[in-house]
N, C-alpha and C. Protein backbone atom coordinates (compact mmCIF):
# COMPACT_ATOMS: atom_id res chain seq x y z
N MET A 1 -24.26 17.54 9.80
CA MET A 1 -23.17 16.93 8.63
C MET A 1 -22.98 15.48 8.31
N ASP A 2 -23.07 14.95 7.05
CA ASP A 2 -23.10 13.54 6.78
C ASP A 2 -21.60 13.17 7.03
N TYR A 3 -21.73 11.65 6.97
CA TYR A 3 -20.80 11.05 6.98
C TYR A 3 -19.30 11.48 5.84
N ALA A 4 -20.29 11.10 5.09
CA ALA A 4 -19.92 11.70 3.51
C ALA A 4 -18.98 12.90 3.58
N ALA A 5 -19.65 14.04 4.19
CA ALA A 5 -18.26 15.44 4.09
C ALA A 5 -17.53 15.24 5.18
N TYR A 6 -17.54 13.99 6.18
CA TYR A 6 -16.55 14.44 7.00
C TYR A 6 -15.30 13.82 6.38
N ASP A 7 -15.62 12.07 5.91
CA ASP A 7 -14.82 11.45 5.65
C ASP A 7 -14.11 12.28 4.43
N GLU A 8 -14.40 13.11 3.15
CA GLU A 8 -14.24 14.11 2.80
C GLU A 8 -12.69 15.36 3.35
N ALA A 9 -13.32 15.68 4.40
CA ALA A 9 -12.30 17.00 4.61
C ALA A 9 -11.06 15.40 5.76
N GLU A 10 -11.15 14.56 5.96
CA GLU A 10 -10.49 13.59 6.11
C GLU A 10 -9.10 12.84 5.00
N GLN A 11 -10.03 12.96 4.18
CA GLN A 11 -9.25 12.48 2.45
C GLN A 11 -8.23 13.53 2.33
N ARG A 12 -8.73 15.17 2.70
CA ARG A 12 -8.36 16.32 2.10
C ARG A 12 -6.51 16.45 3.28
N LEU A 13 -7.09 15.44 4.70
CA LEU A 13 -5.87 15.86 5.35
C LEU A 13 -5.05 14.86 4.73
N VAL A 14 -5.23 13.52 4.45
CA VAL A 14 -4.67 12.21 4.26
C VAL A 14 -3.65 12.73 2.96
N ASP A 15 -4.94 12.86 1.92
CA ASP A 15 -4.18 13.28 0.84
C ASP A 15 -2.31 14.86 1.40
N ALA A 16 -2.75 15.65 1.88
CA ALA A 16 -1.82 16.98 2.06
C ALA A 16 -0.36 15.93 3.07
N VAL A 17 -1.07 14.94 4.10
CA VAL A 17 0.18 14.48 4.61
C VAL A 17 1.24 13.58 3.09
N MET A 18 0.52 12.73 2.16
CA MET A 18 0.89 11.85 1.81
C MET A 18 1.83 12.82 0.41
N ALA A 19 1.23 13.96 -0.01
CA ALA A 19 2.00 14.98 -1.14
C ALA A 19 3.09 15.54 0.23
N LYS A 20 2.72 15.32 1.10
CA LYS A 20 3.72 16.22 1.45
C LYS A 20 3.97 17.52 1.96
N THR A 21 2.94 18.12 1.69
CA THR A 21 2.56 19.83 0.95
C THR A 21 1.58 20.13 2.63
N ILE A 22 1.89 19.97 3.86
CA ILE A 22 1.20 20.20 4.80
C ILE A 22 2.93 20.41 6.32
N ASP A 23 2.47 21.31 6.92
CA ASP A 23 3.88 20.98 7.52
C ASP A 23 3.21 20.32 9.14
N GLU A 24 4.25 19.73 10.14
CA GLU A 24 3.75 19.31 11.45
C GLU A 24 2.76 20.34 12.13
N GLY A 25 3.04 21.79 12.26
CA GLY A 25 1.90 22.48 13.08
C GLY A 25 0.89 22.45 12.55
N SER A 26 0.50 22.41 11.12
CA SER A 26 -0.59 22.78 10.41
C SER A 26 -1.15 21.52 10.47
N LEU A 27 -0.40 19.87 10.28
CA LEU A 27 -1.14 18.91 10.25
C LEU A 27 -2.22 18.69 11.66
N TRP A 28 -1.55 19.00 12.82
CA TRP A 28 -2.43 18.99 13.88
C TRP A 28 -3.41 19.57 14.24
N ILE A 29 -3.54 21.08 13.52
CA ILE A 29 -4.18 22.21 13.41
C ILE A 29 -5.64 20.96 12.92
N GLU A 30 -4.63 21.19 12.18
CA GLU A 30 -6.22 20.34 10.83
C GLU A 30 -6.54 19.17 11.21
N PHE A 31 -5.85 18.70 12.42
CA PHE A 31 -6.31 17.59 12.90
C PHE A 31 -7.30 17.02 13.99
N ASP A 32 -7.16 18.63 14.57
CA ASP A 32 -8.12 18.88 15.75
C ASP A 32 -9.18 19.52 15.05
N ARG A 33 -9.14 20.26 13.69
CA ARG A 33 -10.22 20.60 13.04
C ARG A 33 -11.26 19.32 12.78
N LEU A 34 -10.67 18.50 12.17
CA LEU A 34 -11.18 17.23 12.14
C LEU A 34 -12.51 16.45 13.52
N ARG A 35 -11.18 16.32 14.42
CA ARG A 35 -12.08 16.25 15.34
C ARG A 35 -13.23 17.16 16.14
N SER A 36 -13.13 18.17 16.05
CA SER A 36 -13.89 19.00 16.65
C SER A 36 -15.44 18.28 15.37
N LEU A 37 -15.27 18.25 14.55
CA LEU A 37 -16.33 17.80 13.47
C LEU A 37 -17.05 16.73 13.82
N VAL A 38 -16.31 15.83 14.66
CA VAL A 38 -17.09 14.09 14.83
C VAL A 38 -18.55 14.36 15.47
N PRO A 39 -18.54 15.25 16.44
CA PRO A 39 -19.56 15.07 17.07
C PRO A 39 -21.19 15.76 15.97
N MET A 40 -20.56 16.25 15.01
CA MET A 40 -21.64 16.55 14.42
C MET A 40 -22.19 15.84 13.51
N VAL A 41 -21.41 14.97 13.36
CA VAL A 41 -22.07 13.53 12.35
C VAL A 41 -22.97 13.15 12.63
N GLU A 42 -23.80 12.77 11.71
CA GLU A 42 -25.20 12.12 12.12
C GLU A 42 -25.21 11.23 11.07
N PRO A 43 -25.87 10.28 11.11
CA PRO A 43 -26.56 9.63 12.36
C PRO A 43 -25.73 9.11 13.49
N ALA A 44 -26.25 8.32 14.88
CA ALA A 44 -24.99 8.36 15.00
C ALA A 44 -24.15 6.93 14.75
N ALA A 45 -25.27 6.39 13.73
CA ALA A 45 -24.01 5.29 13.78
C ALA A 45 -22.71 5.37 13.07
N ASP A 46 -22.73 6.16 11.98
CA ASP A 46 -22.06 7.11 11.29
C ASP A 46 -20.96 7.94 12.13
N ARG A 47 -21.50 8.79 12.75
CA ARG A 47 -20.61 9.49 14.02
C ARG A 47 -19.50 8.36 14.49
N GLU A 48 -19.91 7.06 14.72
CA GLU A 48 -19.31 6.12 15.76
C GLU A 48 -18.21 5.78 14.61
N ARG A 49 -18.19 5.42 12.96
CA ARG A 49 -17.73 5.61 12.09
C ARG A 49 -16.64 6.46 12.19
N ALA A 50 -16.92 7.40 12.02
CA ALA A 50 -16.12 8.97 11.85
C ALA A 50 -15.39 8.67 13.13
N GLU A 51 -15.66 8.33 14.61
CA GLU A 51 -14.89 8.60 15.75
C GLU A 51 -13.36 7.47 14.90
N ARG A 52 -14.67 6.27 14.30
CA ARG A 52 -13.25 5.08 14.80
C ARG A 52 -12.05 5.37 13.31
N SER A 53 -12.66 6.03 12.46
CA SER A 53 -11.74 6.38 11.38
C SER A 53 -10.48 7.57 12.01
N LEU A 54 -11.05 8.21 12.84
CA LEU A 54 -10.32 9.52 13.16
C LEU A 54 -8.81 8.74 14.19
N ALA A 55 -9.91 8.07 15.04
CA ALA A 55 -8.65 7.30 16.10
C ALA A 55 -7.64 6.58 14.64
N SER A 56 -8.04 6.00 14.22
CA SER A 56 -7.10 5.22 13.20
C SER A 56 -5.88 6.13 12.64
N LEU A 57 -6.98 7.46 12.34
CA LEU A 57 -5.52 8.02 11.25
C LEU A 57 -4.63 8.83 12.37
N GLU A 58 -5.22 8.84 13.62
CA GLU A 58 -4.34 9.52 14.96
C GLU A 58 -3.30 8.40 14.89
N SER A 59 -3.73 7.31 14.60
CA SER A 59 -2.23 6.34 15.31
C SER A 59 -1.07 6.01 13.90
N ALA A 60 -2.06 6.06 13.17
CA ALA A 60 -1.37 6.58 12.00
C ALA A 60 0.14 7.81 12.16
N LEU A 61 -0.60 8.76 12.50
CA LEU A 61 -0.25 10.19 12.17
C LEU A 61 1.42 9.95 13.15
N ASN A 62 0.50 8.74 14.33
CA ASN A 62 1.95 8.82 15.10
C ASN A 62 2.80 8.08 15.36
N TYR A 63 2.45 7.39 13.89
CA TYR A 63 2.98 5.77 13.98
C TYR A 63 4.71 6.37 13.94
N LYS A 64 5.75 5.70 14.77
CA LYS A 64 7.43 6.22 14.36
C LYS A 64 8.09 5.08 13.29
N ALA A 65 7.67 5.18 12.15
CA ALA A 65 8.51 4.33 11.59
C ALA A 65 10.24 3.93 11.80
N PRO A 66 10.91 2.87 11.99
CA PRO A 66 12.42 3.09 12.17
C PRO A 66 13.04 2.73 10.24
N PRO A 67 13.76 3.83 10.73
CA PRO A 67 14.42 4.13 8.80
C PRO A 67 14.68 2.89 7.95
N MET A 68 14.46 3.42 7.32
CA MET A 68 14.09 3.07 5.70
C MET A 68 15.71 2.88 5.50
N SER A 69 16.07 1.51 4.80
CA SER A 69 17.46 1.38 4.13
C SER A 69 17.34 1.80 2.57
N ASP A 70 18.20 2.52 1.95
CA ASP A 70 18.20 3.02 0.74
C ASP A 70 18.05 1.46 -0.35
N GLU A 71 18.23 0.06 0.04
CA GLU A 71 17.92 -0.90 -0.16
C GLU A 71 16.22 -1.34 -0.47
N LEU A 72 15.87 -1.20 0.72
CA LEU A 72 14.04 -1.21 0.82
C LEU A 72 13.26 -0.40 0.39
N ALA A 73 14.29 0.96 0.23
CA ALA A 73 13.12 2.33 -0.37
C ALA A 73 13.03 1.87 -1.76
N ALA A 74 14.51 0.70 -2.37
CA ALA A 74 14.21 0.58 -3.71
C ALA A 74 13.74 -0.09 -3.95
N ALA A 75 13.19 -1.28 -3.83
CA ALA A 75 12.39 -2.91 -3.52
C ALA A 75 11.28 -2.53 -3.46
N ILE A 76 11.06 -0.99 -2.79
CA ILE A 76 9.34 -1.01 -2.63
C ILE A 76 8.92 -0.43 -4.09
N ARG A 77 10.28 0.71 -4.16
CA ARG A 77 9.24 1.70 -5.66
C ARG A 77 9.10 0.07 -6.21
N VAL A 78 10.20 -0.45 -6.88
CA VAL A 78 10.12 -1.57 -7.79
C VAL A 78 8.65 -2.32 -7.84
N GLN A 79 8.63 -3.12 -6.33
CA GLN A 79 7.21 -3.28 -5.86
C GLN A 79 5.89 -3.08 -6.75
N SER A 80 5.70 -1.45 -6.04
CA SER A 80 4.52 -0.78 -6.42
C SER A 80 4.39 -0.24 -8.29
N GLN A 81 5.46 0.04 -8.58
CA GLN A 81 4.89 -0.21 -10.07
C GLN A 81 4.75 -1.36 -10.70
N ALA A 82 5.30 -2.21 -10.43
CA ALA A 82 4.23 -3.68 -11.50
C ALA A 82 3.34 -3.90 -10.38
N LEU A 83 2.54 -3.47 -9.57
CA LEU A 83 1.64 -4.03 -8.65
C LEU A 83 0.29 -2.60 -9.30
N LEU A 84 1.31 -1.69 -9.86
CA LEU A 84 0.02 -0.62 -10.30
C LEU A 84 -0.15 -0.56 -11.50
N SER A 85 0.70 -1.01 -12.38
CA SER A 85 0.46 -1.25 -14.00
C SER A 85 -0.98 -1.71 -14.03
N ASP A 86 -1.18 -1.12 -15.07
CA ASP A 86 -2.49 -1.93 -15.93
C ASP A 86 -2.36 -2.04 -17.28
N ALA A 87 -0.67 -2.48 -17.45
CA ALA A 87 -0.69 -3.11 -18.86
C ALA A 87 -1.14 -4.83 -19.19
N ALA A 88 -1.80 -4.49 -20.55
CA ALA A 88 -2.38 -5.95 -20.67
C ALA A 88 -1.74 -7.26 -20.39
N PRO A 89 -2.42 -8.66 -20.60
CA PRO A 89 -1.54 -9.71 -19.66
C PRO A 89 -0.45 -9.94 -19.52
N ALA A 90 -0.06 -10.08 -21.36
CA ALA A 90 1.17 -10.71 -21.47
C ALA A 90 2.18 -9.63 -21.14
N GLU A 91 2.08 -8.53 -21.65
CA GLU A 91 3.00 -7.34 -20.62
C GLU A 91 3.34 -7.19 -19.47
N ARG A 92 2.20 -7.23 -19.00
CA ARG A 92 1.82 -7.46 -17.16
C ARG A 92 3.00 -8.85 -16.27
N VAL A 93 2.50 -9.72 -17.10
CA VAL A 93 3.66 -11.01 -17.18
C VAL A 93 4.98 -10.61 -17.00
N GLU A 94 5.66 -10.04 -18.10
CA GLU A 94 7.00 -9.41 -18.38
C GLU A 94 7.33 -8.77 -17.32
N LEU A 95 6.24 -7.44 -16.54
CA LEU A 95 7.02 -6.15 -15.83
C LEU A 95 7.06 -7.34 -14.27
N LEU A 96 5.89 -8.30 -14.18
CA LEU A 96 6.37 -8.86 -13.05
C LEU A 96 7.30 -9.75 -12.87
N GLU A 97 7.07 -10.40 -13.73
CA GLU A 97 9.02 -11.05 -13.53
C GLU A 97 9.96 -10.58 -13.95
N THR A 98 10.51 -9.43 -14.22
CA THR A 98 11.38 -8.48 -14.55
C THR A 98 11.54 -7.78 -12.98
N ALA A 99 9.63 -7.19 -12.26
CA ALA A 99 10.23 -6.88 -11.24
C ALA A 99 10.24 -7.55 -10.20
N ILE A 100 10.48 -9.02 -9.92
CA ILE A 100 10.68 -10.06 -9.28
C ILE A 100 12.06 -10.55 -9.44
N ALA A 101 13.03 -10.86 -10.60
CA ALA A 101 14.15 -10.19 -10.76
C ALA A 101 15.08 -9.09 -10.13
N GLU A 102 14.52 -7.67 -10.37
CA GLU A 102 15.02 -6.86 -9.53
C GLU A 102 15.36 -6.74 -8.45
N ILE A 103 14.22 -7.17 -7.33
CA ILE A 103 13.70 -7.41 -6.10
C ILE A 103 15.05 -8.70 -5.75
N GLY A 104 15.01 -8.98 -5.82
CA GLY A 104 16.05 -10.35 -5.55
C GLY A 104 17.61 -9.78 -6.14
N ARG A 105 17.53 -9.23 -7.14
CA ARG A 105 19.06 -8.40 -7.52
C ARG A 105 19.49 -7.44 -6.11
N ILE A 106 18.09 -6.63 -5.73
CA ILE A 106 18.45 -5.96 -4.54
C ILE A 106 18.73 -6.35 -3.52
N ALA A 107 17.93 -7.18 -3.09
CA ALA A 107 17.95 -8.15 -2.18
C ALA A 107 19.36 -8.78 -1.75
N GLY A 108 19.95 -9.31 -2.94
CA GLY A 108 21.44 -9.59 -2.88
C GLY A 108 22.70 -8.55 -2.17
N THR A 109 21.54 -7.99 -2.13
CA THR A 109 22.92 -6.58 -2.08
C THR A 109 22.63 -6.12 -0.19
N ALA A 110 21.71 -6.59 0.19
CA ALA A 110 21.91 -7.05 1.61
C ALA A 110 21.77 -7.57 2.24
N SER A 111 22.10 -7.72 3.61
CA SER A 111 22.27 -8.87 4.21
C SER A 111 21.17 -9.42 5.74
N GLY A 112 21.11 -10.61 6.01
CA GLY A 112 20.01 -10.72 6.92
C GLY A 112 18.76 -10.66 6.97
N ALA A 113 18.74 -9.76 7.95
CA ALA A 113 16.83 -9.60 8.29
C ALA A 113 16.35 -8.70 6.95
N GLU A 114 17.47 -7.81 6.77
CA GLU A 114 16.76 -6.92 5.45
C GLU A 114 16.55 -7.17 4.43
N ALA A 115 17.67 -8.47 3.88
CA ALA A 115 17.31 -9.43 2.54
C ALA A 115 16.28 -9.94 2.61
N SER A 116 16.08 -10.52 3.97
CA SER A 116 15.06 -11.53 3.46
C SER A 116 13.34 -10.21 3.65
N ARG A 117 13.30 -9.58 4.52
CA ARG A 117 12.25 -8.53 3.94
C ARG A 117 12.27 -8.01 2.86
N ILE A 118 13.41 -7.66 2.20
CA ILE A 118 13.04 -7.14 0.76
C ILE A 118 13.03 -8.59 -0.09
N ARG A 119 12.96 -9.64 0.33
CA ARG A 119 13.15 -10.86 -1.02
C ARG A 119 11.08 -11.32 -0.61
N HIS A 120 10.72 -10.77 0.35
CA HIS A 120 9.18 -10.92 0.58
C HIS A 120 8.39 -10.03 -0.22
N LEU A 121 9.10 -9.28 -0.54
CA LEU A 121 8.45 -7.88 -1.53
C LEU A 121 7.89 -8.59 -3.10
N SER A 122 8.59 -9.51 -3.30
CA SER A 122 8.06 -10.59 -4.09
C SER A 122 7.02 -11.51 -4.02
N GLU A 123 6.56 -11.70 -2.87
CA GLU A 123 5.53 -12.41 -2.60
C GLU A 123 4.04 -11.83 -3.67
N PRO A 124 3.61 -10.98 -2.95
CA PRO A 124 2.46 -10.26 -3.98
C PRO A 124 2.82 -10.16 -5.25
N LEU A 125 4.32 -10.04 -5.87
CA LEU A 125 4.27 -9.78 -7.56
C LEU A 125 3.73 -11.28 -8.01
N ALA A 126 4.35 -12.31 -7.40
CA ALA A 126 4.31 -13.97 -7.77
C ALA A 126 3.01 -14.08 -7.93
N SER A 127 2.11 -14.24 -6.61
CA SER A 127 1.04 -14.13 -7.07
C SER A 127 0.07 -13.50 -7.42
N ASP A 128 0.26 -12.32 -7.79
CA ASP A 128 -0.37 -11.38 -9.60
C ASP A 128 0.04 -12.37 -10.96
N LEU A 129 1.23 -12.77 -11.23
CA LEU A 129 1.76 -13.27 -11.89
C LEU A 129 1.22 -15.01 -12.37
N GLU A 130 0.49 -15.33 -10.79
CA GLU A 130 0.15 -16.55 -11.15
C GLU A 130 -1.29 -16.18 -11.21
N ALA A 131 -2.13 -15.93 -10.75
CA ALA A 131 -3.57 -15.35 -10.95
C ALA A 131 -3.46 -14.87 -12.61
N ILE A 132 -2.47 -14.01 -13.24
CA ILE A 132 -2.91 -13.72 -14.77
C ILE A 132 -2.82 -15.06 -15.83
N ARG A 133 -1.32 -15.78 -15.18
CA ARG A 133 -1.13 -17.11 -16.00
C ARG A 133 -2.79 -18.13 -15.82
N ILE A 134 -3.25 -18.04 -15.00
CA ILE A 134 -4.39 -18.91 -14.44
C ILE A 134 -5.46 -18.49 -15.36
N THR A 135 -5.72 -16.72 -15.27
CA THR A 135 -6.76 -16.53 -15.94
C THR A 135 -6.34 -16.76 -17.77
N SER A 136 -5.35 -16.11 -18.26
CA SER A 136 -4.81 -16.06 -19.63
C SER A 136 -4.49 -17.44 -20.38
N ASP A 137 -4.19 -18.21 -19.53
CA ASP A 137 -3.61 -19.94 -19.84
C ASP A 137 -4.67 -21.35 -19.22
N PRO A 138 -5.82 -21.17 -20.65
CA PRO A 138 -6.44 -22.39 -19.47
C PRO A 138 -6.00 -23.82 -19.56
N ASN A 139 -4.67 -23.72 -20.45
CA ASN A 139 -3.92 -25.03 -19.88
C ASN A 139 -2.79 -24.95 -18.80
N TYR A 140 -2.76 -23.57 -18.13
CA TYR A 140 -1.76 -23.82 -17.50
C TYR A 140 -2.31 -24.45 -15.56
N HIS A 141 -1.41 -25.41 -15.58
CA HIS A 141 -1.66 -25.60 -14.22
C HIS A 141 -0.99 -25.42 -12.82
N GLY A 142 -0.56 -24.55 -12.88
CA GLY A 142 0.46 -23.80 -11.45
C GLY A 142 1.99 -24.42 -11.88
N GLY A 143 2.61 -23.67 -11.19
CA GLY A 143 3.92 -24.15 -11.15
C GLY A 143 4.89 -24.84 -9.97
N ASN A 144 3.62 -25.76 -9.88
CA ASN A 144 4.35 -26.20 -8.39
C ASN A 144 4.78 -28.18 -8.28
N PRO A 145 5.62 -28.49 -7.53
CA PRO A 145 5.58 -30.24 -8.09
C PRO A 145 4.33 -31.05 -7.82
N GLY A 146 4.14 -31.69 -8.60
CA GLY A 146 2.83 -32.65 -8.53
C GLY A 146 2.04 -32.17 -9.52
N SER A 147 1.98 -30.98 -9.81
CA SER A 147 1.24 -30.30 -10.74
C SER A 147 1.02 -31.08 -12.02
N ALA A 148 -0.11 -30.28 -13.27
CA ALA A 148 -0.28 -30.88 -13.65
C ALA A 148 0.84 -30.37 -15.62
N ASP A 149 1.42 -29.86 -15.31
CA ASP A 149 2.65 -28.89 -15.91
C ASP A 149 3.45 -29.97 -16.85
């Protein structure tokens, strides 16, 4: 078996888990089936790659995440929608600015460390916003103090 065939089988399991279309019992039956495929992967370098991938998958499947607050879940949805947008640059700027503001609003409803975790979700949005401005406007020099703005 080549690595691509193994990877395809592993991806089907990951997709089922992400879509929540597989129950716990079936999940581990499929995981054991994947484990049985690993020794058949050739050449040896690809077999080692499959072993590492399976170990990573097992670690992820066994991870017990702490419960997520409704506020954090809402902020993650806002962040994901903004990051996954394929709108034109001008529309994307508006979308990112709106998402940053919405995440700030959500953070304002939380307290302490939870509010801080939520606020941090704006960082990749701000980075994307900066990148769009840099690539779209040759006169843009950044919004940092001391810049040529």
